[in-house]
């Protein structure tokens, strides 16, 4: 688990993408935690394709960054308390968490 992922993602290390891809192919998991989808906006599409599960709660992030990670129509500024968008296997749904 990497908290404050923006500190790692800002370095644009190719080894991070390789580590994520290799661990996923072996059944491993890596969790990147960030307060903003903007932190993932500089990453390449291959990196985003290897993100198996994405959950995003309300934020004031730019719509473009959220759309790139979650798909079009994912507006994070209008979410109510307990609601989030979840992307799993390239399908995004709005859910209410308990």
N, C-alpha and C. Protein backbone atom coordinates (compact mmCIF):
# COMPACT_ATOMS: atom_id res chain seq x y z
N UNK A 1 0.85 -1.17 0.00
CA UNK A 1 0.00 0.00 0.00
C UNK A 1 0.89 1.23 0.00
N UNK A 2 0.59 2.15 -0.89
CA UNK A 2 1.35 3.40 -0.98
C UNK A 2 0.38 4.54 -0.70
N UNK A 3 0.53 5.17 0.46
CA UNK A 3 -0.29 6.33 0.79
C UNK A 3 0.38 7.57 0.22
N UNK A 4 -0.41 8.60 -0.05
CA UNK A 4 0.10 9.81 -0.70
C UNK A 4 0.81 9.43 -2.00
N UNK A 5 0.08 8.71 -2.85
CA UNK A 5 0.63 8.17 -4.09
C UNK A 5 1.23 9.26 -4.98
N UNK A 6 0.77 10.49 -4.85
CA UNK A 6 1.29 11.56 -5.71
C UNK A 6 2.79 11.75 -5.55
N UNK A 7 3.32 11.41 -4.37
CA UNK A 7 4.77 11.55 -4.17
C UNK A 7 5.55 10.52 -4.98
N UNK A 8 4.99 9.34 -5.15
CA UNK A 8 5.63 8.30 -5.96
C UNK A 8 5.34 8.51 -7.44
N UNK A 9 4.08 8.81 -7.77
CA UNK A 9 3.69 8.97 -9.17
C UNK A 9 4.38 10.16 -9.82
N UNK A 10 4.70 11.19 -9.05
CA UNK A 10 5.36 12.37 -9.59
C UNK A 10 6.75 12.08 -10.12
N UNK A 11 7.36 10.99 -9.69
CA UNK A 11 8.72 10.64 -10.15
C UNK A 11 8.70 9.97 -11.51
N UNK A 12 7.52 9.48 -11.94
CA UNK A 12 7.35 8.80 -13.23
C UNK A 12 8.37 7.66 -13.43
N UNK A 13 8.46 6.83 -12.41
CA UNK A 13 9.37 5.70 -12.48
C UNK A 13 8.76 4.57 -13.30
N UNK A 14 9.42 4.14 -14.37
CA UNK A 14 8.87 3.03 -15.16
C UNK A 14 8.81 1.75 -14.34
N UNK A 15 9.66 1.62 -13.34
CA UNK A 15 9.65 0.40 -12.53
C UNK A 15 8.36 0.26 -11.73
N UNK A 16 7.69 1.36 -11.39
CA UNK A 16 6.42 1.28 -10.68
C UNK A 16 5.37 0.62 -11.55
N UNK A 17 5.26 1.02 -12.81
CA UNK A 17 4.30 0.38 -13.72
C UNK A 17 4.62 -1.09 -13.90
N UNK A 18 5.89 -1.42 -14.02
CA UNK A 18 6.29 -2.83 -14.18
C UNK A 18 5.93 -3.63 -12.92
N UNK A 19 6.18 -3.04 -11.75
CA UNK A 19 5.88 -3.72 -10.49
C UNK A 19 4.38 -3.99 -10.37
N UNK A 20 3.56 -3.02 -10.72
CA UNK A 20 2.11 -3.19 -10.67
C UNK A 20 1.67 -4.28 -11.64
N UNK A 21 2.17 -4.23 -12.87
CA UNK A 21 1.79 -5.21 -13.89
C UNK A 21 2.24 -6.62 -13.49
N UNK A 22 3.47 -6.76 -13.01
CA UNK A 22 3.99 -8.07 -12.65
C UNK A 22 3.27 -8.63 -11.43
N UNK A 23 3.01 -7.80 -10.43
CA UNK A 23 2.34 -8.32 -9.24
C UNK A 23 0.92 -8.74 -9.56
N UNK A 24 0.24 -8.00 -10.44
CA UNK A 24 -1.13 -8.36 -10.81
C UNK A 24 -1.15 -9.69 -11.56
N UNK A 25 -0.18 -9.93 -12.43
CA UNK A 25 -0.15 -11.18 -13.19
C UNK A 25 0.12 -12.38 -12.29
N UNK A 26 0.69 -12.15 -11.12
CA UNK A 26 1.00 -13.23 -10.18
C UNK A 26 -0.03 -13.32 -9.06
N UNK A 27 -1.11 -12.53 -9.14
CA UNK A 27 -2.15 -12.57 -8.12
C UNK A 27 -1.91 -11.61 -6.97
N UNK A 28 -0.87 -10.81 -7.07
CA UNK A 28 -0.58 -9.84 -6.02
C UNK A 28 -1.41 -8.58 -6.19
N UNK A 29 -1.31 -7.71 -5.23
CA UNK A 29 -2.07 -6.45 -5.29
C UNK A 29 -1.23 -5.31 -4.75
N UNK A 30 -1.42 -4.16 -5.33
CA UNK A 30 -0.77 -2.95 -4.85
C UNK A 30 -1.87 -1.90 -4.73
N UNK A 31 -1.89 -1.20 -3.63
CA UNK A 31 -2.91 -0.18 -3.40
C UNK A 31 -2.23 1.19 -3.40
N UNK A 32 -2.70 2.05 -4.30
CA UNK A 32 -2.23 3.42 -4.36
C UNK A 32 -3.35 4.30 -3.81
N UNK A 33 -3.06 5.06 -2.76
CA UNK A 33 -4.06 5.89 -2.10
C UNK A 33 -3.72 7.35 -2.33
N UNK A 34 -4.73 8.10 -2.77
CA UNK A 34 -4.53 9.52 -3.04
C UNK A 34 -5.83 10.25 -2.76
N UNK A 35 -5.74 11.52 -2.47
CA UNK A 35 -6.92 12.32 -2.23
C UNK A 35 -7.46 12.95 -3.51
N UNK A 36 -6.79 12.74 -4.63
CA UNK A 36 -7.22 13.39 -5.86
C UNK A 36 -6.88 12.54 -7.08
N UNK A 37 -7.85 12.37 -8.00
CA UNK A 37 -7.54 11.66 -9.24
C UNK A 37 -6.55 12.44 -10.11
N UNK A 38 -6.35 13.72 -9.83
CA UNK A 38 -5.35 14.50 -10.56
C UNK A 38 -3.97 13.87 -10.45
N UNK A 39 -3.71 13.16 -9.36
CA UNK A 39 -2.40 12.54 -9.17
C UNK A 39 -2.10 11.48 -10.22
N UNK A 40 -3.14 10.92 -10.85
CA UNK A 40 -2.95 9.88 -11.85
C UNK A 40 -2.99 10.42 -13.27
N UNK A 41 -3.16 11.73 -13.42
CA UNK A 41 -3.34 12.31 -14.75
C UNK A 41 -2.09 12.24 -15.61
N UNK A 42 -0.91 12.13 -15.03
CA UNK A 42 0.32 12.08 -15.81
C UNK A 42 0.74 10.67 -16.18
N UNK A 43 -0.02 9.69 -15.75
CA UNK A 43 0.37 8.31 -16.01
C UNK A 43 -0.13 7.87 -17.38
N UNK A 44 0.59 6.92 -17.98
CA UNK A 44 0.20 6.45 -19.31
C UNK A 44 -1.00 5.51 -19.24
N UNK A 45 -1.61 5.27 -20.38
CA UNK A 45 -2.82 4.46 -20.42
C UNK A 45 -2.58 3.02 -20.00
N UNK A 46 -1.39 2.49 -20.25
CA UNK A 46 -1.09 1.12 -19.84
C UNK A 46 -1.16 1.02 -18.31
N UNK A 47 -0.68 2.04 -17.63
CA UNK A 47 -0.74 2.07 -16.17
C UNK A 47 -2.19 2.03 -15.71
N UNK A 48 -3.05 2.85 -16.31
CA UNK A 48 -4.46 2.89 -15.92
C UNK A 48 -5.17 1.58 -16.24
N UNK A 49 -4.80 0.93 -17.32
CA UNK A 49 -5.41 -0.34 -17.69
C UNK A 49 -5.11 -1.43 -16.66
N UNK A 50 -4.00 -1.31 -15.95
CA UNK A 50 -3.62 -2.31 -14.96
C UNK A 50 -4.19 -2.03 -13.58
N UNK A 51 -4.96 -0.96 -13.45
CA UNK A 51 -5.63 -0.68 -12.17
C UNK A 51 -6.91 -1.50 -12.16
N UNK A 52 -6.94 -2.55 -11.33
CA UNK A 52 -8.08 -3.46 -11.33
C UNK A 52 -9.30 -2.91 -10.62
N UNK A 53 -9.12 -2.25 -9.50
CA UNK A 53 -10.24 -1.73 -8.73
C UNK A 53 -9.93 -0.28 -8.36
N UNK A 54 -10.84 0.61 -8.70
CA UNK A 54 -10.68 2.03 -8.39
C UNK A 54 -11.94 2.47 -7.64
N UNK A 55 -11.75 3.15 -6.53
CA UNK A 55 -12.88 3.73 -5.78
C UNK A 55 -12.57 5.20 -5.57
N UNK A 56 -13.55 6.06 -5.85
CA UNK A 56 -13.35 7.51 -5.71
C UNK A 56 -14.57 8.13 -5.03
N UNK A 57 -14.31 8.84 -3.96
CA UNK A 57 -15.36 9.54 -3.23
C UNK A 57 -15.37 11.00 -3.67
N UNK A 58 -16.20 11.81 -3.06
CA UNK A 58 -16.36 13.21 -3.44
C UNK A 58 -15.04 13.97 -3.36
N UNK A 59 -14.81 14.80 -4.37
CA UNK A 59 -13.62 15.63 -4.42
C UNK A 59 -13.89 16.81 -5.35
N UNK A 60 -13.07 17.80 -5.28
CA UNK A 60 -13.17 18.95 -6.18
C UNK A 60 -12.18 18.83 -7.34
N UNK A 61 -11.78 17.61 -7.66
CA UNK A 61 -10.81 17.38 -8.73
C UNK A 61 -11.39 17.83 -10.06
N UNK A 62 -10.49 18.15 -10.96
CA UNK A 62 -10.89 18.53 -12.31
C UNK A 62 -11.64 17.39 -12.98
N UNK A 63 -12.72 17.68 -13.70
CA UNK A 63 -13.50 16.60 -14.34
C UNK A 63 -12.68 15.75 -15.31
N UNK A 64 -11.71 16.33 -15.98
CA UNK A 64 -10.91 15.58 -16.95
C UNK A 64 -10.12 14.46 -16.31
N UNK A 65 -9.54 14.71 -15.14
CA UNK A 65 -8.77 13.68 -14.45
C UNK A 65 -9.66 12.55 -13.99
N UNK A 66 -10.83 12.87 -13.46
CA UNK A 66 -11.76 11.85 -13.00
C UNK A 66 -12.27 11.02 -14.19
N UNK A 67 -12.55 11.67 -15.30
CA UNK A 67 -13.04 10.97 -16.49
C UNK A 67 -11.98 10.04 -17.05
N UNK A 68 -10.74 10.44 -16.99
CA UNK A 68 -9.66 9.60 -17.51
C UNK A 68 -9.51 8.32 -16.70
N UNK A 69 -9.67 8.43 -15.38
CA UNK A 69 -9.52 7.28 -14.50
C UNK A 69 -10.80 6.44 -14.44
N UNK A 70 -11.96 7.11 -14.36
CA UNK A 70 -13.23 6.42 -14.11
C UNK A 70 -14.12 6.30 -15.34
N UNK A 71 -13.87 7.09 -16.36
CA UNK A 71 -14.72 7.09 -17.55
C UNK A 71 -15.62 8.31 -17.56
N UNK A 72 -16.16 8.60 -18.73
CA UNK A 72 -17.02 9.77 -18.87
C UNK A 72 -18.27 9.62 -18.01
N UNK A 73 -18.73 10.73 -17.49
CA UNK A 73 -19.94 10.73 -16.67
C UNK A 73 -19.67 10.60 -15.18
N UNK A 74 -18.43 10.38 -14.80
CA UNK A 74 -18.10 10.26 -13.38
C UNK A 74 -17.80 11.65 -12.82
N UNK A 75 -18.81 12.28 -12.25
CA UNK A 75 -18.67 13.61 -11.67
C UNK A 75 -18.52 13.45 -10.16
N UNK A 76 -17.32 13.70 -9.66
CA UNK A 76 -17.04 13.49 -8.24
C UNK A 76 -17.48 14.65 -7.37
N UNK A 77 -17.82 15.78 -7.97
CA UNK A 77 -18.21 16.94 -7.17
C UNK A 77 -19.65 16.86 -6.69
N UNK A 78 -20.48 16.04 -7.31
CA UNK A 78 -21.89 15.95 -6.94
C UNK A 78 -22.24 14.75 -6.07
N UNK A 79 -21.24 14.01 -5.63
CA UNK A 79 -21.53 12.82 -4.82
C UNK A 79 -22.00 13.22 -3.42
N UNK A 80 -22.97 12.48 -2.91
CA UNK A 80 -23.48 12.70 -1.56
C UNK A 80 -22.62 11.90 -0.57
N UNK A 81 -22.79 12.18 0.71
CA UNK A 81 -22.07 11.45 1.75
C UNK A 81 -22.33 9.96 1.61
N UNK A 82 -21.29 9.17 1.58
CA UNK A 82 -21.40 7.73 1.47
C UNK A 82 -21.46 7.19 0.05
N UNK A 83 -21.57 8.06 -0.94
CA UNK A 83 -21.58 7.61 -2.33
C UNK A 83 -20.15 7.64 -2.88
N UNK A 84 -19.90 6.75 -3.82
CA UNK A 84 -18.62 6.75 -4.51
C UNK A 84 -18.79 6.11 -5.88
N UNK A 85 -17.83 6.36 -6.73
CA UNK A 85 -17.75 5.67 -8.02
C UNK A 85 -16.73 4.55 -7.86
N UNK A 86 -17.07 3.38 -8.36
CA UNK A 86 -16.17 2.23 -8.32
C UNK A 86 -15.99 1.73 -9.74
N UNK A 87 -14.74 1.54 -10.13
CA UNK A 87 -14.44 0.95 -11.44
C UNK A 87 -13.78 -0.39 -11.22
N UNK A 88 -14.37 -1.42 -11.84
CA UNK A 88 -13.84 -2.77 -11.74
C UNK A 88 -13.94 -3.40 -13.12
N UNK A 89 -12.84 -3.89 -13.63
CA UNK A 89 -12.80 -4.48 -14.97
C UNK A 89 -13.38 -3.54 -16.02
N UNK A 90 -12.98 -2.28 -15.98
CA UNK A 90 -13.33 -1.24 -16.96
C UNK A 90 -14.81 -0.87 -16.94
N UNK A 91 -15.55 -1.25 -15.91
CA UNK A 91 -16.94 -0.86 -15.75
C UNK A 91 -17.05 0.00 -14.51
N UNK A 92 -17.65 1.19 -14.67
CA UNK A 92 -17.79 2.12 -13.55
C UNK A 92 -19.24 2.21 -13.12
N UNK A 93 -19.46 2.16 -11.81
CA UNK A 93 -20.80 2.29 -11.26
C UNK A 93 -20.77 3.22 -10.06
N UNK A 94 -21.86 3.94 -9.86
CA UNK A 94 -22.00 4.75 -8.65
C UNK A 94 -22.67 3.86 -7.61
N UNK A 95 -22.07 3.79 -6.42
CA UNK A 95 -22.64 2.97 -5.36
C UNK A 95 -22.73 3.79 -4.07
N UNK A 96 -23.48 3.28 -3.14
CA UNK A 96 -23.57 3.90 -1.81
C UNK A 96 -22.90 2.94 -0.85
N UNK A 97 -21.90 3.44 -0.14
CA UNK A 97 -21.20 2.61 0.82
C UNK A 97 -21.92 2.63 2.17
N UNK A 98 -21.74 1.61 2.93
CA UNK A 98 -22.39 1.52 4.25
C UNK A 98 -21.40 1.71 5.36
